[in-house]
Amino acid sequence: MKDVEEGKRTAKFVCVLTTILENGEKIICKGETKGKIALKCGTMGKLTFGPVLIPDGYDRVLNDMTEEEIGHTHRQLAWKELLTKLERYRK
């Protein structure tokens, strides 16, 4: 991708979580992190695709960001939505 111009390096990471309740009802939750593919790979060893995605509004790849900065990734957004929906069933 080194020859692909920056405006065409857009990407979106998506996490979809599904749970099926005892009554058979499905809950499907989705989170997205939009950004662009980096020209150079960042730090390895954290998030699976974190070394290559620069989220919109940032200038570093996910793996080079602090926990506070990456607190709203596609995974966290999907989990928060799922937990919120499950909490409604507990009441």
PDB file of N, CA and C in Angstrom:
ATOM      1  N   MET A   1       0.814  -1.209   0.000  1.00  0.00           N
ATOM      2  CA  MET A   1       0.000   0.000   0.000  1.00  0.00           C
ATOM      3  C   MET A   1       0.849   1.261   0.000  1.00  0.00           C
ATOM      4  N   LYS A   2       2.136   1.127  -0.086  1.00  0.00           N
ATOM      5  CA  LYS A   2       3.004   2.303  -0.025  1.00  0.00           C
ATOM      6  C   LYS A   2       2.745   3.285  -1.158  1.00  0.00           C
ATOM      7  N   ASP A   3       2.204   2.807  -2.276  1.00  0.00           N
ATOM      8  CA  ASP A   3       1.950   3.681  -3.415  1.00  0.00           C
ATOM      9  C   ASP A   3       0.521   4.230  -3.450  1.00  0.00           C
ATOM     10  N   VAL A   4      -0.281   3.897  -2.459  1.00  0.00           N
ATOM     11  CA  VAL A   4      -1.663   4.364  -2.414  1.00  0.00           C
ATOM     12  C   VAL A   4      -1.696   5.732  -1.730  1.00  0.00           C
ATOM     13  N   GLU A   5      -2.285   6.711  -2.398  1.00  0.00           N
ATOM     14  CA  GLU A   5      -2.329   8.064  -1.834  1.00  0.00           C
ATOM     15  C   GLU A   5      -3.164   8.099  -0.556  1.00  0.00           C
ATOM     16  N   GLU A   6      -2.850   9.053   0.313  1.00  0.00           N
ATOM     17  CA  GLU A   6      -3.451   9.108   1.646  1.00  0.00           C
ATOM     18  C   GLU A   6      -4.976   9.146   1.621  1.00  0.00           C
ATOM     19  N   GLY A   7      -5.566   9.860   0.713  1.00  0.00           N
ATOM     20  CA  GLY A   7      -7.020   9.955   0.644  1.00  0.00           C
ATOM     21  C   GLY A   7      -7.716   8.642   0.327  1.00  0.00           C
ATOM     22  N   LYS A   8      -6.952   7.678  -0.166  1.00  0.00           N
ATOM     23  CA  LYS A   8      -7.523   6.372  -0.515  1.00  0.00           C
ATOM     24  C   LYS A   8      -7.103   5.273   0.458  1.00  0.00           C
ATOM     25  N   ARG A   9      -6.529   5.658   1.593  1.00  0.00           N
ATOM     26  CA  ARG A   9      -6.057   4.691   2.581  1.00  0.00           C
ATOM     27  C   ARG A   9      -7.053   4.529   3.736  1.00  0.00           C
ATOM     28  N   THR A  10      -8.297   4.880   3.500  1.00  0.00           N
ATOM     29  CA  THR A  10      -9.285   4.806   4.566  1.00  0.00           C
ATOM     30  C   THR A  10      -9.565   3.356   4.956  1.00  0.00           C
ATOM     31  N   ALA A  11      -9.961   3.205   6.215  1.00  0.00           N
ATOM     32  CA  ALA A  11     -10.253   1.866   6.738  1.00  0.00           C
ATOM     33  C   ALA A  11     -11.285   1.989   7.847  1.00  0.00           C
ATOM     34  N   LYS A  12     -11.906   0.868   8.136  1.00  0.00           N
ATOM     35  CA  LYS A  12     -12.870   0.822   9.235  1.00  0.00           C
ATOM     36  C   LYS A  12     -12.741  -0.543   9.886  1.00  0.00           C
ATOM     37  N   PHE A  13     -12.483  -0.553  11.176  1.00  0.00           N
ATOM     38  CA  PHE A  13     -12.453  -1.807  11.927  1.00  0.00           C
ATOM     39  C   PHE A  13     -13.792  -1.959  12.614  1.00  0.00           C
ATOM     40  N   VAL A  14     -14.344  -3.154  12.566  1.00  0.00           N
ATOM     41  CA  VAL A  14     -15.678  -3.412  13.093  1.00  0.00           C
ATOM     42  C   VAL A  14     -15.631  -4.594  14.056  1.00  0.00           C
ATOM     43  N   CYS A  15     -16.346  -4.463  15.159  1.00  0.00           N
ATOM     44  CA  CYS A  15     -16.513  -5.570  16.103  1.00  0.00           C
ATOM     45  C   CYS A  15     -18.014  -5.802  16.262  1.00  0.00           C
ATOM     46  N   VAL A  16     -18.451  -7.031  16.058  1.00  0.00           N
ATOM     47  CA  VAL A  16     -19.851  -7.391  16.240  1.00  0.00           C
ATOM     48  C   VAL A  16     -19.918  -8.481  17.314  1.00  0.00           C
ATOM     49  N   LEU A  17     -20.671  -8.209  18.361  1.00  0.00           N
ATOM     50  CA  LEU A  17     -20.867  -9.176  19.440  1.00  0.00           C
ATOM     51  C   LEU A  17     -22.321  -9.627  19.430  1.00  0.00           C
ATOM     52  N   THR A  18     -22.528 -10.920  19.572  1.00  0.00           N
ATOM     53  CA  THR A  18     -23.879 -11.471  19.584  1.00  0.00           C
ATOM     54  C   THR A  18     -24.028 -12.373  20.791  1.00  0.00           C
ATOM     55  N   THR A  19     -25.155 -12.242  21.450  1.00  0.00           N
ATOM     56  CA  THR A  19     -25.471 -13.162  22.540  1.00  0.00           C
ATOM     57  C   THR A  19     -26.904 -13.636  22.339  1.00  0.00           C
ATOM     58  N   ILE A  20     -27.156 -14.856  22.758  1.00  0.00           N
ATOM     59  CA  ILE A  20     -28.512 -15.407  22.679  1.00  0.00           C
ATOM     60  C   ILE A  20     -28.980 -15.671  24.110  1.00  0.00           C
ATOM     61  N   LEU A  21     -30.084 -15.048  24.468  1.00  0.00           N
ATOM     62  CA  LEU A  21     -30.620 -15.180  25.816  1.00  0.00           C
ATOM     63  C   LEU A  21     -31.334 -16.518  25.990  1.00  0.00           C
ATOM     64  N   GLU A  22     -31.620 -16.862  27.235  1.00  0.00           N
ATOM     65  CA  GLU A  22     -32.291 -18.135  27.527  1.00  0.00           C
ATOM     66  C   GLU A  22     -33.617 -18.273  26.797  1.00  0.00           C
ATOM     67  N   ASN A  23     -34.294 -17.140  26.566  1.00  0.00           N
ATOM     68  CA  ASN A  23     -35.586 -17.184  25.881  1.00  0.00           C
ATOM     69  C   ASN A  23     -35.441 -17.241  24.357  1.00  0.00           C
ATOM     70  N   GLY A  24     -34.188 -17.329  23.870  1.00  0.00           N
ATOM     71  CA  GLY A  24     -33.935 -17.424  22.441  1.00  0.00           C
ATOM     72  C   GLY A  24     -33.745 -16.091  21.742  1.00  0.00           C
ATOM     73  N   GLU A  25     -33.985 -14.996  22.454  1.00  0.00           N
ATOM     74  CA  GLU A  25     -33.811 -13.671  21.851  1.00  0.00           C
ATOM     75  C   GLU A  25     -32.333 -13.396  21.610  1.00  0.00           C
ATOM     76  N   LYS A  26     -32.040 -12.800  20.445  1.00  0.00           N
ATOM     77  CA  LYS A  26     -30.665 -12.432  20.096  1.00  0.00           C
ATOM     78  C   LYS A  26     -30.431 -10.959  20.380  1.00  0.00           C
ATOM     79  N   ILE A  27     -29.246 -10.664  20.879  1.00  0.00           N
ATOM     80  CA  ILE A  27     -28.806  -9.279  21.026  1.00  0.00           C
ATOM     81  C   ILE A  27     -27.538  -9.155  20.188  1.00  0.00           C
ATOM     82  N   ILE A  28     -27.551  -8.235  19.241  1.00  0.00           N
ATOM     83  CA  ILE A  28     -26.411  -8.016  18.359  1.00  0.00           C
ATOM     84  C   ILE A  28     -25.943  -6.576  18.537  1.00  0.00           C
ATOM     85  N   CYS A  29     -24.665  -6.404  18.835  1.00  0.00           N
ATOM     86  CA  CYS A  29     -24.100  -5.075  19.066  1.00  0.00           C
ATOM     87  C   CYS A  29     -22.879  -4.876  18.179  1.00  0.00           C
ATOM     88  N   LYS A  30     -22.720  -3.641  17.706  1.00  0.00           N
ATOM     89  CA  LYS A  30     -21.657  -3.353  16.745  1.00  0.00           C
ATOM     90  C   LYS A  30     -20.924  -2.072  17.131  1.00  0.00           C
ATOM     91  N   GLY A  31     -19.606  -2.117  17.045  1.00  0.00           N
ATOM     92  CA  GLY A  31     -18.786  -0.932  17.260  1.00  0.00           C
ATOM     93  C   GLY A  31     -17.858  -0.746  16.074  1.00  0.00           C
ATOM     94  N   GLU A  32     -17.534   0.499  15.756  1.00  0.00           N
ATOM     95  CA  GLU A  32     -16.664   0.789  14.616  1.00  0.00           C
ATOM     96  C   GLU A  32     -15.574   1.782  15.008  1.00  0.00           C
ATOM     97  N   THR A  33     -14.388   1.579  14.472  1.00  0.00           N
ATOM     98  CA  THR A  33     -13.298   2.554  14.567  1.00  0.00           C
ATOM     99  C   THR A  33     -12.916   2.897  13.136  1.00  0.00           C
ATOM    100  N   LYS A  34     -13.135   4.155  12.770  1.00  0.00           N
ATOM    101  CA  LYS A  34     -12.803   4.606  11.411  1.00  0.00           C
ATOM    102  C   LYS A  34     -11.447   5.299  11.431  1.00  0.00           C
ATOM    103  N   GLY A  35     -10.725   5.172  10.341  1.00  0.00           N
ATOM    104  CA  GLY A  35      -9.421   5.805  10.253  1.00  0.00           C
ATOM    105  C   GLY A  35      -8.782   5.559   8.914  1.00  0.00           C
ATOM    106  N   LYS A  36      -7.443   5.453   8.946  1.00  0.00           N
ATOM    107  CA  LYS A  36      -6.696   5.201   7.716  1.00  0.00           C
ATOM    108  C   LYS A  36      -5.556   4.235   8.021  1.00  0.00           C
ATOM    109  N   ILE A  37      -5.083   3.578   6.987  1.00  0.00           N
ATOM    110  CA  ILE A  37      -3.971   2.648   7.112  1.00  0.00           C
ATOM    111  C   ILE A  37      -2.667   3.444   7.106  1.00  0.00           C
ATOM    112  N   ALA A  38      -1.811   3.180   8.092  1.00  0.00           N
ATOM    113  CA  ALA A  38      -0.540   3.890   8.234  1.00  0.00           C
ATOM    114  C   ALA A  38       0.426   3.513   7.122  1.00  0.00           C
ATOM    115  N   LEU A  39       1.321   4.434   6.808  1.00  0.00           N
ATOM    116  CA  LEU A  39       2.374   4.153   5.827  1.00  0.00           C
ATOM    117  C   LEU A  39       3.419   3.219   6.420  1.00  0.00           C
ATOM    118  N   LYS A  40       3.601   3.306   7.736  1.00  0.00           N
ATOM    119  CA  LYS A  40       4.614   2.510   8.423  1.00  0.00           C
ATOM    120  C   LYS A  40       3.972   1.826   9.618  1.00  0.00           C
ATOM    121  N   CYS A  41       4.279   0.565   9.820  1.00  0.00           N
ATOM    122  CA  CYS A  41       3.725  -0.223  10.925  1.00  0.00           C
ATOM    123  C   CYS A  41       4.199   0.331  12.261  1.00  0.00           C
ATOM    124  N   GLY A  42       3.283   0.390  13.221  1.00  0.00           N
ATOM    125  CA  GLY A  42       3.628   0.852  14.565  1.00  0.00           C
ATOM    126  C   GLY A  42       4.019  -0.314  15.459  1.00  0.00           C
ATOM    127  N   THR A  43       3.933  -0.099  16.767  1.00  0.00           N
ATOM    128  CA  THR A  43       4.318  -1.079  17.769  1.00  0.00           C
ATOM    129  C   THR A  43       3.484  -2.352  17.655  1.00  0.00           C
ATOM    130  N   MET A  44       4.149  -3.475  17.697  1.00  0.00           N
ATOM    131  CA  MET A  44       3.468  -4.774  17.643  1.00  0.00           C
ATOM    132  C   MET A  44       3.167  -5.236  19.076  1.00  0.00           C
ATOM    133  N   GLY A  45       2.228  -6.197  19.212  1.00  0.00           N
ATOM    134  CA  GLY A  45       2.037  -6.851  20.487  1.00  0.00           C
ATOM    135  C   GLY A  45       0.854  -6.414  21.317  1.00  0.00           C
ATOM    136  N   LYS A  46       0.092  -5.440  20.897  1.00  0.00           N
ATOM    137  CA  LYS A  46      -1.098  -5.037  21.652  1.00  0.00           C
ATOM    138  C   LYS A  46      -2.330  -5.539  20.911  1.00  0.00           C
ATOM    139  N   LEU A  47      -3.044  -4.631  20.300  1.00  0.00           N
ATOM    140  CA  LEU A  47      -4.252  -4.968  19.559  1.00  0.00           C
ATOM    141  C   LEU A  47      -3.897  -5.639  18.233  1.00  0.00           C
ATOM    142  N   THR A  48      -4.724  -6.545  17.786  1.00  0.00           N
ATOM    143  CA  THR A  48      -4.448  -7.346  16.598  1.00  0.00           C
ATOM    144  C   THR A  48      -4.057  -6.506  15.383  1.00  0.00           C
ATOM    145  N   PHE A  49      -4.888  -5.547  15.017  1.00  0.00           N
ATOM    146  CA  PHE A  49      -4.609  -4.717  13.852  1.00  0.00           C
ATOM    147  C   PHE A  49      -4.143  -3.318  14.262  1.00  0.00           C
ATOM    148  N   GLY A  50      -3.878  -3.147  15.530  1.00  0.00           N
ATOM    149  CA  GLY A  50      -3.475  -1.855  16.071  1.00  0.00           C
ATOM    150  C   GLY A  50      -2.234  -1.233  15.478  1.00  0.00           C
ATOM    151  N   PRO A  51      -1.274  -2.015  14.976  1.00  0.00           N
ATOM    152  CA  PRO A  51      -0.074  -1.403  14.414  1.00  0.00           C
ATOM    153  C   PRO A  51      -0.295  -0.686  13.093  1.00  0.00           C
ATOM    154  N   VAL A  52      -1.449  -0.880  12.455  1.00  0.00           N
ATOM    155  CA  VAL A  52      -1.641  -0.305  11.122  1.00  0.00           C
ATOM    156  C   VAL A  52      -2.767   0.724  11.026  1.00  0.00           C
ATOM    157  N   LEU A  53      -3.642   0.824  12.014  1.00  0.00           N
ATOM    158  CA  LEU A  53      -4.777   1.752  11.913  1.00  0.00           C
ATOM    159  C   LEU A  53      -4.521   3.042  12.675  1.00  0.00           C
ATOM    160  N   ILE A  54      -4.638   4.158  11.976  1.00  0.00           N
ATOM    161  CA  ILE A  54      -4.605   5.481  12.598  1.00  0.00           C
ATOM    162  C   ILE A  54      -6.056   5.950  12.674  1.00  0.00           C
ATOM    163  N   PRO A  55      -6.645   6.002  13.887  1.00  0.00           N
ATOM    164  CA  PRO A  55      -8.046   6.414  14.000  1.00  0.00           C
ATOM    165  C   PRO A  55      -8.241   7.864  13.568  1.00  0.00           C
ATOM    166  N   ASP A  56      -9.422   8.155  13.040  1.00  0.00           N
ATOM    167  CA  ASP A  56      -9.760   9.527  12.671  1.00  0.00           C
ATOM    168  C   ASP A  56      -9.535  10.444  13.871  1.00  0.00           C
ATOM    169  N   GLY A  57      -8.913  11.598  13.636  1.00  0.00           N
ATOM    170  CA  GLY A  57      -8.669  12.566  14.689  1.00  0.00           C
ATOM    171  C   GLY A  57      -7.342  12.383  15.412  1.00  0.00           C
ATOM    172  N   TYR A  58      -6.586  11.355  15.047  1.00  0.00           N
ATOM    173  CA  TYR A  58      -5.293  11.094  15.687  1.00  0.00           C
ATOM    174  C   TYR A  58      -4.193  11.029  14.645  1.00  0.00           C
ATOM    175  N   ASP A  59      -2.945  11.087  15.117  1.00  0.00           N
ATOM    176  CA  ASP A  59      -1.810  11.025  14.192  1.00  0.00           C
ATOM    177  C   ASP A  59      -0.909   9.824  14.464  1.00  0.00           C
ATOM    178  N   ARG A  60      -1.390   8.885  15.301  1.00  0.00           N
ATOM    179  CA  ARG A  60      -0.624   7.685  15.636  1.00  0.00           C
ATOM    180  C   ARG A  60      -1.499   6.451  15.486  1.00  0.00           C
ATOM    181  N   VAL A  61      -0.853   5.301  15.274  1.00  0.00           N
ATOM    182  CA  VAL A  61      -1.608   4.049  15.183  1.00  0.00           C
ATOM    183  C   VAL A  61      -2.139   3.680  16.571  1.00  0.00           C
ATOM    184  N   LEU A  62      -3.150   2.824  16.598  1.00  0.00           N
ATOM    185  CA  LEU A  62      -3.774   2.411  17.855  1.00  0.00           C
ATOM    186  C   LEU A  62      -2.762   1.895  18.875  1.00  0.00           C
ATOM    187  N   ASN A  63      -1.844   1.051  18.462  1.00  0.00           N
ATOM    188  CA  ASN A  63      -0.900   0.456  19.406  1.00  0.00           C
ATOM    189  C   ASN A  63       0.096   1.438  19.999  1.00  0.00           C
ATOM    190  N   ASP A  64       0.229   2.618  19.421  1.00  0.00           N
ATOM    191  CA  ASP A  64       1.127   3.634  19.958  1.00  0.00           C
ATOM    192  C   ASP A  64       0.381   4.670  20.798  1.00  0.00           C
ATOM    193  N   MET A  65      -0.907   4.418  21.067  1.00  0.00           N
ATOM    194  CA  MET A  65      -1.725   5.345  21.849  1.00  0.00           C
ATOM    195  C   MET A  65      -1.865   4.843  23.280  1.00  0.00           C
ATOM    196  N   THR A  66      -2.208   5.758  24.189  1.00  0.00           N
ATOM    197  CA  THR A  66      -2.427   5.390  25.586  1.00  0.00           C
ATOM    198  C   THR A  66      -3.790   4.731  25.746  1.00  0.00           C
ATOM    199  N   GLU A  67      -4.000   4.063  26.863  1.00  0.00           N
ATOM    200  CA  GLU A  67      -5.298   3.437  27.155  1.00  0.00           C
ATOM    201  C   GLU A  67      -6.422   4.470  27.118  1.00  0.00           C
ATOM    202  N   GLU A  68      -6.162   5.669  27.635  1.00  0.00           N
ATOM    203  CA  GLU A  68      -7.184   6.726  27.631  1.00  0.00           C
ATOM    204  C   GLU A  68      -7.553   7.135  26.214  1.00  0.00           C
ATOM    205  N   GLU A  69      -6.557   7.226  25.358  1.00  0.00           N
ATOM    206  CA  GLU A  69      -6.812   7.629  23.975  1.00  0.00           C
ATOM    207  C   GLU A  69      -7.583   6.565  23.205  1.00  0.00           C
ATOM    208  N   ILE A  70      -7.326   5.287  23.474  1.00  0.00           N
ATOM    209  CA  ILE A  70      -7.987   4.230  22.707  1.00  0.00           C
ATOM    210  C   ILE A  70      -9.227   3.687  23.411  1.00  0.00           C
ATOM    211  N   GLY A  71      -9.721   4.385  24.382  1.00  0.00           N
ATOM    212  CA  GLY A  71     -10.865   3.920  25.169  1.00  0.00           C
ATOM    213  C   GLY A  71     -12.162   3.749  24.410  1.00  0.00           C
ATOM    214  N   HIS A  72     -12.207   4.197  23.181  1.00  0.00           N
ATOM    215  CA  HIS A  72     -13.446   4.096  22.420  1.00  0.00           C
ATOM    216  C   HIS A  72     -13.219   3.374  21.099  1.00  0.00           C
ATOM    217  N   THR A  73     -12.535   2.249  21.142  1.00  0.00           N
ATOM    218  CA  THR A  73     -12.313   1.473  19.930  1.00  0.00           C
ATOM    219  C   THR A  73     -13.572   0.692  19.580  1.00  0.00           C
ATOM    220  N   HIS A  74     -13.563   0.077  18.438  1.00  0.00           N
ATOM    221  CA  HIS A  74     -14.687  -0.728  17.979  1.00  0.00           C
ATOM    222  C   HIS A  74     -15.038  -1.814  19.000  1.00  0.00           C
ATOM    223  N   ARG A  75     -14.031  -2.383  19.628  1.00  0.00           N
ATOM    224  CA  ARG A  75     -14.291  -3.440  20.616  1.00  0.00           C
ATOM    225  C   ARG A  75     -14.961  -2.896  21.867  1.00  0.00           C
ATOM    226  N   GLN A  76     -14.417  -1.810  22.408  1.00  0.00           N
ATOM    227  CA  GLN A  76     -15.023  -1.228  23.612  1.00  0.00           C
ATOM    228  C   GLN A  76     -16.441  -0.729  23.351  1.00  0.00           C
ATOM    229  N   LEU A  77     -16.666  -0.130  22.193  1.00  0.00           N
ATOM    230  CA  LEU A  77     -18.005   0.366  21.870  1.00  0.00           C
ATOM    231  C   LEU A  77     -19.016  -0.775  21.794  1.00  0.00           C
ATOM    232  N   ALA A  78     -18.631  -1.883  21.171  1.00  0.00           N
ATOM    233  CA  ALA A  78     -19.535  -3.034  21.076  1.00  0.00           C
ATOM    234  C   ALA A  78     -19.809  -3.623  22.465  1.00  0.00           C
ATOM    235  N   TRP A  79     -18.768  -3.758  23.292  1.00  0.00           N
ATOM    236  CA  TRP A  79     -18.955  -4.298  24.649  1.00  0.00           C
ATOM    237  C   TRP A  79     -19.852  -3.404  25.496  1.00  0.00           C
ATOM    238  N   LYS A  80     -19.632  -2.082  25.424  1.00  0.00           N
ATOM    239  CA  LYS A  80     -20.462  -1.156  26.212  1.00  0.00           C
ATOM    240  C   LYS A  80     -21.926  -1.274  25.810  1.00  0.00           C
ATOM    241  N   GLU A  81     -22.179  -1.355  24.510  1.00  0.00           N
ATOM    242  CA  GLU A  81     -23.557  -1.495  24.037  1.00  0.00           C
ATOM    243  C   GLU A  81     -24.167  -2.803  24.531  1.00  0.00           C
ATOM    244  N   LEU A  82     -23.404  -3.895  24.437  1.00  0.00           N
ATOM    245  CA  LEU A  82     -23.911  -5.193  24.884  1.00  0.00           C
ATOM    246  C   LEU A  82     -24.203  -5.179  26.386  1.00  0.00           C
ATOM    247  N   LEU A  83     -23.296  -4.642  27.176  1.00  0.00           N
ATOM    248  CA  LEU A  83     -23.516  -4.593  28.627  1.00  0.00           C
ATOM    249  C   LEU A  83     -24.726  -3.740  28.989  1.00  0.00           C
ATOM    250  N   THR A  84     -24.912  -2.639  28.280  1.00  0.00           N
ATOM    251  CA  THR A  84     -26.078  -1.776  28.515  1.00  0.00           C
ATOM    252  C   THR A  84     -27.371  -2.537  28.220  1.00  0.00           C
ATOM    253  N   LYS A  85     -27.399  -3.247  27.104  1.00  0.00           N
ATOM    254  CA  LYS A  85     -28.600  -4.001  26.737  1.00  0.00           C
ATOM    255  C   LYS A  85     -28.855  -5.153  27.703  1.00  0.00           C
ATOM    256  N   LEU A  86     -27.797  -5.831  28.137  1.00  0.00           N
ATOM    257  CA  LEU A  86     -27.968  -6.931  29.095  1.00  0.00           C
ATOM    258  C   LEU A  86     -28.459  -6.421  30.450  1.00  0.00           C
ATOM    259  N   GLU A  87     -28.025  -5.244  30.833  1.00  0.00           N
ATOM    260  CA  GLU A  87     -28.447  -4.657  32.105  1.00  0.00           C
ATOM    261  C   GLU A  87     -29.968  -4.457  32.135  1.00  0.00           C
ATOM    262  N   ARG A  88     -30.553  -4.132  31.002  1.00  0.00           N
ATOM    263  CA  ARG A  88     -32.015  -3.948  30.925  1.00  0.00           C
ATOM    264  C   ARG A  88     -32.748  -5.245  31.244  1.00  0.00           C
ATOM    265  N   TYR A  89     -32.152  -6.391  30.893  1.00  0.00           N
ATOM    266  CA  TYR A  89     -32.791  -7.676  31.141  1.00  0.00           C
ATOM    267  C   TYR A  89     -32.676  -8.094  32.600  1.00  0.00           C
ATOM    268  N   ARG A  90     -31.723  -7.543  33.313  1.00  0.00           N
ATOM    269  CA  ARG A  90     -31.574  -7.891  34.725  1.00  0.00           C
ATOM    270  C   ARG A  90     -32.664  -7.233  35.566  1.00  0.00           C
ATOM    271  N   LYS A  91     -33.203  -6.151  35.112  1.00  0.00           N
ATOM    272  CA  LYS A  91     -34.203  -5.389  35.892  1.00  0.00           C
ATOM    273  C   LYS A  91     -35.588  -5.963  35.787  1.00  0.00           C
TER     274      LYS A  91
END
